[in-house]
Amino acid sequence: MKTINYKDTPTMNNPHGVQAKKILDTENAQVIHMCLKAGESLKKHTTPVDVFFYVLEGEGIVEVGEEKQTVGKDTLIESPKDIPHCLYNESQTDFKVLVVKTPKP
């Protein structure tokens, strides 16, 4: 059995300038623990694979295609490949999200 604690994983550089830690990276999937601080957001982008977001903590806005929705803890959001998507934290607390890409890009 292999166990990984995100706290022991180094922060990775990313084009969005937010805290992101790649906690799983296999040939089949990639899992990133992302923390958007108050006022932070990602740059709108697409991925060549399906992605889903799982909210661990806080509240934020998820945009997929033309839809935007405020989401909170324990919400899963699907984002199909090649569809522009973005995360926004307009709250005053951290917005923590697991980003799962499958298959791995």
C-alpha atoms as a PDB file:
ATOM      1  CA  MET A   1       0.000   0.000   0.000  1.00  0.00           C
ATOM      2  CA  LYS A   2       1.225   3.467  -0.820  1.00  0.00           C
ATOM      3  CA  THR A   3      -0.024   6.471   1.159  1.00  0.00           C
ATOM      4  CA  ILE A   4       0.541  10.117   0.315  1.00  0.00           C
ATOM      5  CA  ASN A   5      -0.159  13.132   2.495  1.00  0.00           C
ATOM      6  CA  TYR A   6      -0.594  16.294   0.440  1.00  0.00           C
ATOM      7  CA  LYS A   7       1.158  18.271   3.195  1.00  0.00           C
ATOM      8  CA  ASP A   8       4.362  16.329   2.450  1.00  0.00           C
ATOM      9  CA  THR A   9       4.145  17.045  -1.286  1.00  0.00           C
ATOM     10  CA  PRO A  10       5.993  20.052  -2.714  1.00  0.00           C
ATOM     11  CA  THR A  11       4.054  22.890  -4.313  1.00  0.00           C
ATOM     12  CA  MET A  12       4.350  22.738  -8.092  1.00  0.00           C
ATOM     13  CA  ASN A  13       4.856  25.668 -10.414  1.00  0.00           C
ATOM     14  CA  ASN A  14       1.779  26.310 -12.521  1.00  0.00           C
ATOM     15  CA  PRO A  15       0.660  28.977 -14.987  1.00  0.00           C
ATOM     16  CA  HIS A  16      -2.143  30.069 -12.638  1.00  0.00           C
ATOM     17  CA  GLY A  17       0.095  31.150  -9.748  1.00  0.00           C
ATOM     18  CA  VAL A  18      -1.966  29.291  -7.124  1.00  0.00           C
ATOM     19  CA  GLN A  19      -0.907  26.663  -4.600  1.00  0.00           C
ATOM     20  CA  ALA A  20      -1.064  23.278  -6.313  1.00  0.00           C
ATOM     21  CA  LYS A  21       0.377  19.950  -5.209  1.00  0.00           C
ATOM     22  CA  LYS A  22       0.439  16.932  -7.516  1.00  0.00           C
ATOM     23  CA  ILE A  23      -0.406  14.137  -5.087  1.00  0.00           C
ATOM     24  CA  LEU A  24      -0.827  11.366  -7.667  1.00  0.00           C
ATOM     25  CA  ASP A  25       0.727  11.013 -11.084  1.00  0.00           C
ATOM     26  CA  THR A  26       0.336   7.614 -12.760  1.00  0.00           C
ATOM     27  CA  GLU A  27       0.034   6.577 -16.389  1.00  0.00           C
ATOM     28  CA  ASN A  28      -3.766   6.478 -15.955  1.00  0.00           C
ATOM     29  CA  ALA A  29      -4.637   9.489 -13.817  1.00  0.00           C
ATOM     30  CA  GLN A  30      -3.396  12.677 -12.234  1.00  0.00           C
ATOM     31  CA  VAL A  31      -4.657  14.174  -8.955  1.00  0.00           C
ATOM     32  CA  ILE A  32      -3.814  17.718  -7.878  1.00  0.00           C
ATOM     33  CA  HIS A  33      -4.668  19.290  -4.524  1.00  0.00           C
ATOM     34  CA  MET A  34      -5.327  22.953  -5.262  1.00  0.00           C
ATOM     35  CA  CYS A  35      -5.820  25.785  -2.769  1.00  0.00           C
ATOM     36  CA  LEU A  36      -7.101  29.125  -4.020  1.00  0.00           C
ATOM     37  CA  LYS A  37      -6.650  31.859  -1.439  1.00  0.00           C
ATOM     38  CA  ALA A  38      -9.162  34.710  -1.105  1.00  0.00           C
ATOM     39  CA  GLY A  39      -9.414  36.584  -4.405  1.00  0.00           C
ATOM     40  CA  GLU A  40      -7.415  34.055  -6.450  1.00  0.00           C
ATOM     41  CA  SER A  41      -8.575  32.396  -9.657  1.00  0.00           C
ATOM     42  CA  LEU A  42      -7.282  30.185 -12.402  1.00  0.00           C
ATOM     43  CA  LYS A  43      -6.836  31.371 -15.967  1.00  0.00           C
ATOM     44  CA  LYS A  44      -9.616  30.020 -18.174  1.00  0.00           C
ATOM     45  CA  HIS A  45      -8.220  27.023 -20.053  1.00  0.00           C
ATOM     46  CA  THR A  46      -9.014  23.662 -21.630  1.00  0.00           C
ATOM     47  CA  THR A  47      -7.590  20.194 -21.048  1.00  0.00           C
ATOM     48  CA  PRO A  48      -7.245  17.375 -23.585  1.00  0.00           C
ATOM     49  CA  VAL A  49      -8.835  14.901 -21.126  1.00  0.00           C
ATOM     50  CA  ASP A  50     -11.896  14.818 -18.890  1.00  0.00           C
ATOM     51  CA  VAL A  51     -11.463  16.498 -15.513  1.00  0.00           C
ATOM     52  CA  PHE A  52     -13.514  16.522 -12.367  1.00  0.00           C
ATOM     53  CA  PHE A  53     -13.249  18.841  -9.406  1.00  0.00           C
ATOM     54  CA  TYR A  54     -14.122  17.775  -5.859  1.00  0.00           C
ATOM     55  CA  VAL A  55     -14.501  20.588  -3.323  1.00  0.00           C
ATOM     56  CA  LEU A  56     -12.741  19.748  -0.065  1.00  0.00           C
ATOM     57  CA  GLU A  57     -13.195  23.038   1.761  1.00  0.00           C
ATOM     58  CA  GLY A  58     -14.681  26.483   1.323  1.00  0.00           C
ATOM     59  CA  GLU A  59     -16.858  27.956  -1.368  1.00  0.00           C
ATOM     60  CA  GLY A  60     -16.003  29.114  -4.857  1.00  0.00           C
ATOM     61  CA  ILE A  61     -17.253  29.574  -8.375  1.00  0.00           C
ATOM     62  CA  VAL A  62     -16.696  26.943 -11.036  1.00  0.00           C
ATOM     63  CA  GLU A  63     -17.109  27.836 -14.693  1.00  0.00           C
ATOM     64  CA  VAL A  64     -17.417  25.091 -17.307  1.00  0.00           C
ATOM     65  CA  GLY A  65     -18.220  26.235 -20.832  1.00  0.00           C
ATOM     66  CA  GLU A  66     -20.907  28.908 -20.614  1.00  0.00           C
ATOM     67  CA  GLU A  67     -22.108  27.842 -17.142  1.00  0.00           C
ATOM     68  CA  LYS A  68     -21.005  29.299 -13.795  1.00  0.00           C
ATOM     69  CA  GLN A  69     -22.085  27.989 -10.430  1.00  0.00           C
ATOM     70  CA  THR A  70     -21.203  28.654  -6.804  1.00  0.00           C
ATOM     71  CA  VAL A  71     -20.205  25.378  -5.146  1.00  0.00           C
ATOM     72  CA  GLY A  72     -19.220  24.284  -1.673  1.00  0.00           C
ATOM     73  CA  LYS A  73     -17.730  21.418   0.289  1.00  0.00           C
ATOM     74  CA  ASP A  74     -18.453  17.857  -0.871  1.00  0.00           C
ATOM     75  CA  THR A  75     -19.553  18.910  -4.372  1.00  0.00           C
ATOM     76  CA  LEU A  76     -18.232  17.129  -7.473  1.00  0.00           C
ATOM     77  CA  ILE A  77     -18.179  19.008 -10.784  1.00  0.00           C
ATOM     78  CA  GLU A  78     -17.589  17.363 -14.165  1.00  0.00           C
ATOM     79  CA  SER A  79     -15.613  19.173 -16.860  1.00  0.00           C
ATOM     80  CA  PRO A  80     -15.432  17.396 -20.240  1.00  0.00           C
ATOM     81  CA  LYS A  81     -12.262  17.531 -22.302  1.00  0.00           C
ATOM     82  CA  ASP A  82     -11.727  20.484 -24.645  1.00  0.00           C
ATOM     83  CA  ILE A  83     -14.336  22.643 -22.844  1.00  0.00           C
ATOM     84  CA  PRO A  84     -12.967  25.885 -21.301  1.00  0.00           C
ATOM     85  CA  HIS A  85     -13.138  25.891 -17.510  1.00  0.00           C
ATOM     86  CA  CYS A  86     -12.056  28.040 -14.581  1.00  0.00           C
ATOM     87  CA  LEU A  87     -12.161  28.230 -10.776  1.00  0.00           C
ATOM     88  CA  TYR A  88     -12.647  31.476  -8.829  1.00  0.00           C
ATOM     89  CA  ASN A  89     -12.425  32.214  -5.118  1.00  0.00           C
ATOM     90  CA  GLU A  90     -14.387  35.381  -4.376  1.00  0.00           C
ATOM     91  CA  SER A  91     -14.768  34.487  -0.691  1.00  0.00           C
ATOM     92  CA  GLN A  92     -12.565  35.472   2.250  1.00  0.00           C
ATOM     93  CA  THR A  93     -11.533  31.888   3.081  1.00  0.00           C
ATOM     94  CA  ASP A  94      -9.513  29.197   1.299  1.00  0.00           C
ATOM     95  CA  PHE A  95     -11.170  27.249  -1.535  1.00  0.00           C
ATOM     96  CA  LYS A  96      -9.584  23.764  -1.612  1.00  0.00           C
ATOM     97  CA  VAL A  97     -10.296  21.475  -4.528  1.00  0.00           C
ATOM     98  CA  LEU A  98      -9.078  18.108  -5.780  1.00  0.00           C
ATOM     99  CA  VAL A  99      -8.527  18.219  -9.528  1.00  0.00           C
ATOM    100  CA  VAL A 100      -8.632  14.758 -11.123  1.00  0.00           C
ATOM    101  CA  LYS A 101      -7.595  14.252 -14.749  1.00  0.00           C
ATOM    102  CA  THR A 102      -8.377  10.934 -16.345  1.00  0.00           C
ATOM    103  CA  PRO A 103      -6.812   9.538 -18.341  1.00  0.00           C
ATOM    104  CA  LYS A 104      -3.571  11.339 -17.549  1.00  0.00           C
ATOM    105  CA  PRO A 105      -2.874  14.013 -20.178  1.00  0.00           C
END
